[in-house]
Every structure is written in C-alpha cells, then in structure tokens.
Amino acid sequence: MLKYIVPGLFFLIFISCNSEAGTSQPVLTEKLSVRIDTLATGLENPWSMAFLPDGRILIAERPGRLRIFADGELKDTPVQGLPEIWANRQGGLLDVVLHPDYDENGWIYIAYAAPFDDGGNTAVSRGRLTGNSFTDMELIFQAEPATGSGQHFGTRIVFDEDNYLFTTVGDRGVMDNAQKLENHNGKVIRILDDGRVPPDNPFVNVEGAMPEIWSYGHRNIQGMSIHPETGVLWTHEHGPKGGDEINIIRKGLNYGWPEVTHGVNYNGSIITPDTTKAGMEDPLYHWTPSIAPCGMTFVFSDKYPEWHGDILVGALAGRHIHRVILDGEKVTDTEYMLQDFARFRDLRTGPDGYIYVLTESPGLFFRIVPL
C-alpha cells in the first residue's frame, strides 16, 4: 500500500493502544483515527528536520545531503557548503537544529560523522544559510578518539533554556568506552553554543577526563528532548538485544552501560547479570525486546489534547510510533501507533502545532492530523 502514497494526498490509519505499562507487546484496547498528510516521498535515509522561520523546512539525509522543503515540495538540489561527511554505515549527516536565537544570529547546527585519523567520529558544526549554501561554517566539537567502526554515533542536538548545547556520542561499538572519562564515546556532551567548555561541567577538574562530558554510561542515544515545562533533559537510547532505555539526564551521573543492562548480546550471550547497581542510574523505562528507538518529541500542542504532556518515540525495529504516557517523571502507560507502517526516524512538533514525521523504508515526510 505504501508505494501508492504521493505528496498532497492523505489516507486514514488506525492507532492501536497498549494499556499495560512496562510491557512491550501491544494489547489492543481501543482504536483512534488520524489523517496522515504525505508531504514528500523518495527520501534516502532521512534523519532529522528543522523548521525555518520563513516556512521552509530543512531535512537531513544520512548519505550527506541537506534538503529544503518549501512551497509544498522537496527541492532537488541539496544545500551546498557542508563540511566533509563520513557516510559510513550508521554514520553520515544526522541531526540539524536551529540556534534558539536564530532570528538574531542565523546559526544552524548540524551533527554528523566526520572523517579523521583513518576513521571518523561524531562532530558538530555550525553555519549560516545564504540562499542554497552554508557560509561561515565552523567546527565546534569533534569527539575523540576516531575509529573505523560504522556503529553508534548518537548525534542528537538540543539547546536548553540557557542556550547550552547538548549532543550525544554513542559508544562506537566498544562497550567499555562508555565507562571511561578519557574519551567522548558513550557520553552526553555539554558545550557553549560556540564550542567552548562551560566551567561548571562536572569533569572539568578531573585529571584525564574529557571536559565536555555531562553524563556517561550510555550505549547509543538517538532521541533527546528538553521537557517544555520543567526544562529537564530526557533521552532514549538503543540497548543491544533488548534493554532500550528512557533516561532523565542529570549532571555527572553514570547511566550504567555496559555494567548494567536489561539486554543481552545479539547472539543471546549475557553482557552482565546486573540490571541495577549502586552508583548507577536505573532507566525510567525500558523496552525488552527492543524497539530500536529513534527520535522523540514531547506533545504540548493543543492539536492533541489527549496526548498532552506525553512523549512520542519513533521505532525502527518496531516500525511504529510509541506513545509514552507520563505522570510527572513516571511512565504510567504506553500506546503503539501506526504499527508496521515504516521505520520511524524522527518526530518534531512544527510551528503550526502538528507532529511532523520522517521515516525510512520508505523514505517519507508527513504530518499527523487528528480527526
């Protein structure tokens, strides 16, 4: 059916609910209907989007292209002037985010896999969009060390209310990286908007530690968002076979990977017998078996009053949108939405209040309109 979706048309799809919090298999209890407005098709591994004040939308494709959606169509010619991008397996052009003061300074930030030292790692650069080209491009962060691995780049970017920039770096396929403060891998990074290190970062004065580290013990964070009301940083991350997690990120804390996990190796062997350990943070919620989460957005738009205050999470392996129903910082319920529709890569709340979505296999850009 999906091959017949074309821009400008819409169809109806049902949303199924899982009423038992803490489980990961859908329990059908009711059905809700929404309209899917298809805006663009034919995208290649789209990873993220950013909404410009003039109505244009930037869409990052992992092979290294930044596309512009404007006047109801996806423009063929990519934005020029991007830095060299290492499109290697899971690596490539990943997140794109506007500076909170974009109207005043024009900065656009991209997170991507950058090549260096016979390999590559996560990097963040910023530039200004002039016409169809980036100008004033600056590299402001580059994770170390480089590796030839094509796994686990992380790379979400968010700004908090004080304009600190948070980004994520995966463990790059080497589990023990996540527990070692002398590298950036398996960490949440906090820097100023120009790349400088804030003096109050938790490991600034720890000998041998990377000063940009905000938290550690992460496997591969591909969803990150600031709670619109509390200002608290939330993430989700990929487990191995099982053990995907939702976490609330706080300064200097250790989130346990690989010393604790609810998952196992892909061959079924045990990584650790421990799912909790003193001095390490337990996840707020975990998915076992894995849904392979990617992208997340809090819903505070009046377009979706029944979802108010909840999180929508994209699922790759699960091929659905996972609604995580919250009471404060507690998960009380979940819903499986658009089950078996596609591999969901990113979800954002647009300036018009609607939820916009990117999927791969097929590569679609659409918005969800409740009926």
Protein backbone atom coordinates (compact mmCIF):
# COMPACT_ATOMS: atom_id res chain seq x y z
CA MET A 1 0.00 0.00 0.00
CA LEU A 2 2.75 2.48 0.88
CA LYS A 3 4.11 2.60 -2.66
CA TYR A 4 0.96 4.44 -3.72
CA ILE A 5 1.37 7.30 -1.24
CA VAL A 6 2.01 10.56 -3.10
CA PRO A 7 2.57 14.12 -1.87
CA GLY A 8 -0.60 16.10 -1.40
CA LEU A 9 -2.81 13.07 -0.71
CA PHE A 10 -3.79 11.60 2.62
CA PHE A 11 -5.24 8.42 3.99
CA LEU A 12 -6.68 7.21 7.27
CA ILE A 13 -4.87 4.88 9.60
CA PHE A 14 -5.79 3.43 12.94
CA ILE A 15 -3.80 3.72 16.14
CA SER A 16 -3.76 0.74 18.48
CA CYS A 17 -3.16 1.03 22.18
CA ASN A 18 -1.17 -0.92 24.75
CA SER A 19 -2.83 -0.47 28.11
CA GLU A 20 -0.26 -2.29 30.25
CA ALA A 21 2.66 -0.05 31.21
CA GLY A 22 6.00 -1.78 31.41
CA THR A 23 5.29 -4.33 28.69
CA SER A 24 6.48 -4.15 25.14
CA GLN A 25 3.87 -6.22 23.29
CA PRO A 26 0.74 -4.40 22.06
CA VAL A 27 -2.55 -5.09 23.81
CA LEU A 28 -5.39 -3.79 21.66
CA THR A 29 -7.87 -1.92 23.80
CA GLU A 30 -9.26 0.80 21.55
CA LYS A 31 -8.73 2.47 18.19
CA LEU A 32 -8.17 6.11 17.36
CA SER A 33 -8.15 7.56 13.84
CA VAL A 34 -5.83 10.18 12.39
CA ARG A 35 -5.13 11.57 8.96
CA ILE A 36 -1.65 11.20 7.51
CA ASP A 37 -0.79 14.13 5.23
CA THR A 38 2.04 12.98 2.98
CA LEU A 39 4.31 15.93 2.13
CA ALA A 40 7.24 14.25 0.34
CA THR A 41 8.35 10.79 -0.77
CA GLY A 42 11.58 9.30 -2.11
CA LEU A 43 13.85 10.46 0.71
CA GLU A 44 17.01 8.44 1.33
CA ASN A 45 17.55 7.62 5.00
CA PRO A 46 16.11 10.90 6.32
CA TRP A 47 17.30 11.52 9.86
CA SER A 48 16.08 14.88 11.15
CA MET A 49 14.32 18.13 10.32
CA ALA A 50 14.39 21.79 11.36
CA PHE A 51 11.77 24.48 10.76
CA LEU A 52 12.99 27.84 9.47
CA PRO A 53 11.02 30.97 10.43
CA ASP A 54 10.17 31.69 6.78
CA GLY A 55 8.26 28.41 6.46
CA ARG A 56 11.00 26.34 4.81
CA ILE A 57 11.95 23.02 6.40
CA LEU A 58 15.43 21.53 6.39
CA ILE A 59 15.64 17.73 6.09
CA ALA A 60 18.91 15.88 6.70
CA GLU A 61 19.54 12.69 4.73
CA ARG A 62 22.16 10.36 6.18
CA PRO A 63 24.21 9.98 2.94
CA GLY A 64 25.26 13.62 3.42
CA ARG A 65 22.54 15.76 1.85
CA LEU A 66 20.63 18.61 3.48
CA ARG A 67 17.39 19.13 1.54
CA ILE A 68 14.92 22.03 1.61
CA PHE A 69 11.15 21.53 1.66
CA ALA A 70 9.47 24.75 0.52
CA ASP A 71 6.22 25.80 -1.14
CA GLY A 72 4.81 22.30 -0.79
CA GLU A 73 7.66 20.42 -2.45
CA LEU A 74 11.03 18.88 -1.72
CA LYS A 75 13.71 20.73 -3.67
CA ASP A 76 16.01 18.58 -5.78
CA THR A 77 19.25 20.47 -5.21
CA PRO A 78 20.80 19.89 -1.76
CA VAL A 79 22.23 22.73 0.31
CA GLN A 80 25.83 23.39 -0.66
CA GLY A 81 28.85 24.12 1.55
CA LEU A 82 28.50 21.39 4.17
CA PRO A 83 31.70 20.03 5.75
CA GLU A 84 33.08 16.68 4.60
CA ILE A 85 30.79 13.95 5.89
CA TRP A 86 31.81 10.36 6.60
CA ALA A 87 28.82 8.38 5.29
CA ASN A 88 29.88 5.02 6.69
CA ARG A 89 27.18 2.50 7.70
CA GLN A 90 25.25 4.25 10.53
CA GLY A 91 27.32 7.41 10.12
CA GLY A 92 26.58 10.38 7.88
CA LEU A 93 24.62 13.62 8.15
CA LEU A 94 22.35 13.16 11.15
CA ASP A 95 20.85 15.98 13.23
CA VAL A 96 20.05 19.57 12.20
CA VAL A 97 18.94 22.20 14.74
CA LEU A 98 18.48 25.99 14.78
CA HIS A 99 20.07 28.15 17.46
CA PRO A 100 17.40 29.36 19.94
CA ASP A 101 18.27 32.93 18.86
CA TYR A 102 18.27 32.09 15.17
CA ASP A 103 16.34 35.25 14.29
CA GLU A 104 19.23 37.32 15.65
CA ASN A 105 22.30 35.25 14.72
CA GLY A 106 21.27 32.90 11.89
CA TRP A 107 23.22 29.90 13.24
CA ILE A 108 22.23 26.40 12.11
CA TYR A 109 23.90 23.41 13.79
CA ILE A 110 24.50 20.00 12.24
CA ALA A 111 25.69 16.78 13.89
CA TYR A 112 27.37 14.28 11.62
CA ALA A 113 30.09 11.68 11.28
CA ALA A 114 33.30 13.47 10.36
CA PRO A 115 36.36 11.75 8.85
CA PHE A 116 39.74 11.99 10.59
CA ASP A 117 42.66 9.79 11.70
CA ASP A 118 41.88 6.97 9.25
CA GLY A 119 38.36 6.71 10.63
CA GLY A 120 35.76 9.07 11.97
CA ASN A 121 33.59 10.13 14.86
CA THR A 122 30.74 12.43 15.79
CA ALA A 123 31.19 16.13 15.13
CA VAL A 124 29.10 19.29 15.44
CA SER A 125 29.49 22.28 13.13
CA ARG A 126 27.50 25.46 12.66
CA GLY A 127 26.94 27.75 9.70
CA ARG A 128 24.53 30.25 8.21
CA LEU A 129 22.21 29.55 5.32
CA THR A 130 22.52 32.04 2.47
CA GLY A 131 20.36 31.12 -0.47
CA ASN A 132 21.11 27.46 -1.03
CA SER A 133 24.57 27.44 0.57
CA PHE A 134 26.11 27.37 4.03
CA THR A 135 28.52 30.17 4.87
CA ASP A 136 30.63 30.94 7.97
CA MET A 137 30.96 27.19 8.64
CA GLU A 138 32.71 26.41 11.95
CA LEU A 139 33.61 23.08 13.57
CA ILE A 140 32.75 23.48 17.25
CA PHE A 141 33.06 19.91 18.58
CA GLN A 142 34.70 16.69 17.45
CA ALA A 143 34.51 13.52 19.53
CA GLU A 144 37.67 11.56 20.24
CA PRO A 145 39.05 9.05 19.56
CA ALA A 146 38.30 8.30 15.92
CA THR A 147 37.59 4.73 14.89
CA GLY A 148 36.92 2.89 11.65
CA SER A 149 33.72 1.48 13.11
CA GLY A 150 30.45 2.45 11.45
CA GLN A 151 28.40 1.95 14.62
CA HIS A 152 26.79 4.08 17.29
CA PHE A 153 27.33 7.76 16.52
CA GLY A 154 24.50 9.12 18.69
CA THR A 155 24.39 12.72 17.41
CA ARG A 156 21.16 14.32 18.62
CA ILE A 157 21.45 18.04 19.48
CA VAL A 158 19.27 20.12 21.82
CA PHE A 159 19.62 23.53 23.44
CA ASP A 160 18.37 24.20 26.97
CA GLU A 161 16.77 27.41 28.19
CA ASP A 162 20.21 28.90 28.94
CA ASN A 163 21.44 28.13 25.41
CA TYR A 164 23.81 25.37 26.46
CA LEU A 165 24.19 22.84 23.65
CA PHE A 166 23.83 19.15 24.44
CA THR A 167 24.83 16.47 21.96
CA THR A 168 25.29 12.72 22.16
CA VAL A 169 28.06 10.33 21.14
CA GLY A 170 27.50 6.57 21.01
CA ASP A 171 29.98 4.06 22.37
CA ARG A 172 31.11 3.42 18.74
CA GLY A 173 30.67 -0.32 19.24
CA VAL A 174 33.23 -0.58 22.05
CA MET A 175 31.21 -1.13 25.22
CA ASP A 176 33.87 -0.17 27.75
CA ASN A 177 34.24 3.30 26.20
CA ALA A 178 31.04 4.34 27.95
CA GLN A 179 32.57 3.99 31.44
CA LYS A 180 35.86 5.75 30.63
CA LEU A 181 36.01 9.51 31.13
CA GLU A 182 39.15 9.89 28.97
CA ASN A 183 37.09 9.60 25.76
CA HIS A 184 33.87 11.13 24.45
CA ASN A 185 32.23 7.88 23.36
CA GLY A 186 29.10 6.70 25.17
CA LYS A 187 28.51 10.17 26.62
CA VAL A 188 26.19 13.18 26.69
CA ILE A 189 28.23 16.28 25.85
CA ARG A 190 27.53 19.83 27.08
CA ILE A 191 29.21 22.85 25.47
CA LEU A 192 28.53 26.52 24.88
CA ASP A 193 27.00 27.49 21.56
CA ASP A 194 30.45 28.30 20.13
CA GLY A 195 32.03 25.06 21.34
CA ARG A 196 33.74 26.33 24.48
CA VAL A 197 33.55 24.20 27.61
CA PRO A 198 31.32 25.55 30.41
CA PRO A 199 33.36 25.93 33.60
CA ASP A 200 30.66 24.19 35.66
CA ASN A 201 30.74 20.94 33.67
CA PRO A 202 31.13 18.04 36.13
CA PHE A 203 34.51 16.70 34.98
CA VAL A 204 36.34 19.92 34.10
CA ASN A 205 38.73 19.48 37.01
CA VAL A 206 39.07 15.68 36.83
CA GLU A 207 42.54 14.75 35.58
CA GLY A 208 42.44 12.94 32.25
CA ALA A 209 38.69 13.37 31.77
CA MET A 210 37.20 14.99 28.68
CA PRO A 211 35.85 18.32 29.99
CA GLU A 212 32.85 18.34 27.63
CA ILE A 213 31.25 15.30 29.33
CA TRP A 214 27.92 15.92 31.10
CA SER A 215 26.90 12.29 31.74
CA TYR A 216 28.28 8.86 30.85
CA GLY A 217 27.47 5.16 30.70
CA HIS A 218 25.38 5.42 27.52
CA ARG A 219 25.25 2.99 24.61
CA ASN A 220 23.75 4.97 21.73
CA ILE A 221 21.35 7.89 22.31
CA GLN A 222 19.24 8.67 19.23
CA GLY A 223 16.46 10.59 20.95
CA MET A 224 16.83 13.68 23.13
CA SER A 225 14.49 16.48 24.14
CA ILE A 226 14.13 19.20 26.76
CA HIS A 227 10.86 18.99 28.67
CA PRO A 228 8.98 22.17 27.66
CA GLU A 229 7.69 22.88 31.18
CA THR A 230 10.42 21.64 33.53
CA GLY A 231 13.48 22.30 31.36
CA VAL A 232 14.81 18.82 32.24
CA LEU A 233 16.80 16.83 29.65
CA TRP A 234 15.26 13.49 28.59
CA THR A 235 16.80 10.87 26.30
CA HIS A 236 16.22 7.42 24.96
CA GLU A 237 18.91 5.05 23.80
CA HIS A 238 19.39 1.78 21.98
CA GLY A 239 20.10 -1.29 24.05
CA PRO A 240 21.68 -4.36 22.46
CA LYS A 241 19.14 -7.20 22.06
CA GLY A 242 16.58 -5.68 24.43
CA GLY A 243 17.22 -3.04 27.05
CA ASP A 244 16.34 0.13 25.12
CA GLU A 245 16.01 2.87 27.74
CA ILE A 246 14.37 6.19 28.58
CA ASN A 247 16.50 8.27 30.95
CA ILE A 248 16.39 11.68 32.58
CA ILE A 249 19.88 13.13 32.23
CA ARG A 250 21.44 14.94 35.14
CA LYS A 251 24.87 16.39 35.73
CA GLY A 252 27.74 13.96 36.23
CA LEU A 253 25.65 10.80 36.59
CA ASN A 254 26.57 7.32 35.38
CA TYR A 255 23.80 5.54 33.42
CA GLY A 256 25.43 2.16 33.68
CA TRP A 257 26.20 0.79 30.23
CA PRO A 258 27.64 -1.87 29.98
CA GLU A 259 27.87 -2.60 33.72
CA VAL A 260 24.08 -2.81 33.93
CA THR A 261 21.51 -3.50 31.20
CA HIS A 262 18.22 -5.29 30.61
CA GLY A 263 19.54 -6.51 27.24
CA VAL A 264 21.83 -9.31 26.05
CA ASN A 265 24.26 -9.69 23.16
CA TYR A 266 22.79 -10.31 19.73
CA ASN A 267 23.88 -13.96 19.93
CA GLY A 268 21.98 -14.31 23.21
CA SER A 269 25.03 -14.36 25.48
CA ILE A 270 24.98 -12.43 28.75
CA ILE A 271 26.61 -8.99 28.89
CA THR A 272 26.12 -8.65 32.64
CA PRO A 273 23.81 -10.34 35.14
CA ASP A 274 23.05 -6.95 36.70
CA THR A 275 20.11 -4.73 35.83
CA THR A 276 20.81 -2.33 38.70
CA LYS A 277 23.91 -1.37 40.64
CA ALA A 278 24.79 1.16 43.32
CA GLY A 279 26.13 4.42 41.90
CA MET A 280 24.44 3.90 38.54
CA GLU A 281 21.10 5.29 37.39
CA ASP A 282 18.21 2.94 36.65
CA PRO A 283 16.28 3.76 33.48
CA LEU A 284 12.93 5.45 33.83
CA TYR A 285 11.56 2.86 31.40
CA HIS A 286 12.97 0.10 29.22
CA TRP A 287 11.82 -1.85 26.19
CA THR A 288 12.64 -5.56 26.17
CA PRO A 289 12.53 -6.84 23.49
CA SER A 290 13.99 -3.86 21.69
CA ILE A 291 12.02 -1.44 19.52
CA ALA A 292 15.20 0.40 18.35
CA PRO A 293 14.01 3.91 19.31
CA CYS A 294 14.95 6.94 17.24
CA GLY A 295 13.65 10.49 17.53
CA MET A 296 11.38 11.86 20.24
CA THR A 297 9.15 14.82 20.94
CA PHE A 298 7.09 15.98 23.91
CA VAL A 299 3.49 16.78 23.00
CA PHE A 300 2.24 20.08 24.39
CA SER A 301 0.32 21.25 21.33
CA ASP A 302 -3.40 21.91 21.67
CA LYS A 303 -3.85 19.89 18.46
CA TYR A 304 -3.53 16.70 20.51
CA PRO A 305 -5.19 17.32 23.91
CA GLU A 306 -5.42 13.57 24.61
CA TRP A 307 -1.62 13.28 24.30
CA HIS A 308 -0.80 16.36 26.37
CA GLY A 309 2.47 16.05 28.27
CA ASP A 310 3.39 12.67 26.78
CA ILE A 311 6.34 11.60 24.61
CA LEU A 312 6.18 10.25 21.09
CA VAL A 313 9.11 7.97 20.22
CA GLY A 314 9.95 6.61 16.77
CA ALA A 315 10.71 2.90 16.46
CA LEU A 316 12.96 1.43 13.79
CA ALA A 317 12.86 -2.30 14.50
CA GLY A 318 9.38 -1.92 15.95
CA ARG A 319 8.14 0.01 12.86
CA HIS A 320 5.71 2.16 14.82
CA ILE A 321 5.38 5.31 16.91
CA HIS A 322 5.47 4.61 20.63
CA ARG A 323 3.45 6.98 22.81
CA VAL A 324 4.86 7.06 26.34
CA ILE A 325 2.20 8.30 28.76
CA LEU A 326 3.60 10.21 31.71
CA ASP A 327 2.60 11.32 35.15
CA GLY A 328 5.41 13.69 36.04
CA GLU A 329 8.58 11.61 35.73
CA LYS A 330 6.75 8.27 35.86
CA VAL A 331 5.62 6.16 32.91
CA THR A 332 2.03 5.07 33.52
CA ASP A 333 1.06 3.58 30.15
CA THR A 334 2.09 3.19 26.52
CA GLU A 335 0.49 3.05 23.08
CA TYR A 336 1.66 1.50 19.83
CA MET A 337 0.70 3.78 16.95
CA LEU A 338 0.96 3.25 13.18
CA GLN A 339 2.09 -0.33 13.77
CA ASP A 340 4.09 -1.82 10.83
CA PHE A 341 3.88 1.46 8.90
CA ALA A 342 7.61 2.12 8.39
CA ARG A 343 10.93 2.59 10.19
CA PHE A 344 10.40 5.83 12.12
CA ARG A 345 13.47 8.06 12.31
CA ASP A 346 12.38 11.49 13.60
CA LEU A 347 9.37 13.27 15.08
CA ARG A 348 9.10 17.01 15.71
CA THR A 349 6.33 19.41 16.69
CA GLY A 350 6.10 22.04 13.96
CA PRO A 351 5.37 25.74 14.40
CA ASP A 352 1.74 25.03 13.45
CA GLY A 353 1.42 22.58 16.35
CA TYR A 354 1.20 19.43 14.21
CA ILE A 355 3.51 16.45 14.62
CA TYR A 356 5.85 16.04 11.63
CA VAL A 357 7.48 12.69 10.95
CA LEU A 358 10.33 11.22 8.90
CA THR A 359 10.52 7.54 8.03
CA GLU A 360 12.91 5.35 6.10
CA SER A 361 11.96 2.24 4.13
CA PRO A 362 10.00 4.01 2.68
CA GLY A 363 11.55 7.49 2.89
CA LEU A 364 8.57 9.67 3.75
CA PHE A 365 7.92 13.11 5.22
CA PHE A 366 4.41 13.62 6.60
CA ARG A 367 2.36 15.15 9.38
CA ILE A 368 -0.19 13.57 11.68
CA VAL A 369 -3.56 15.32 11.78
CA PRO A 370 -6.07 14.10 14.39
CA LEU A 371 -9.67 13.77 13.25
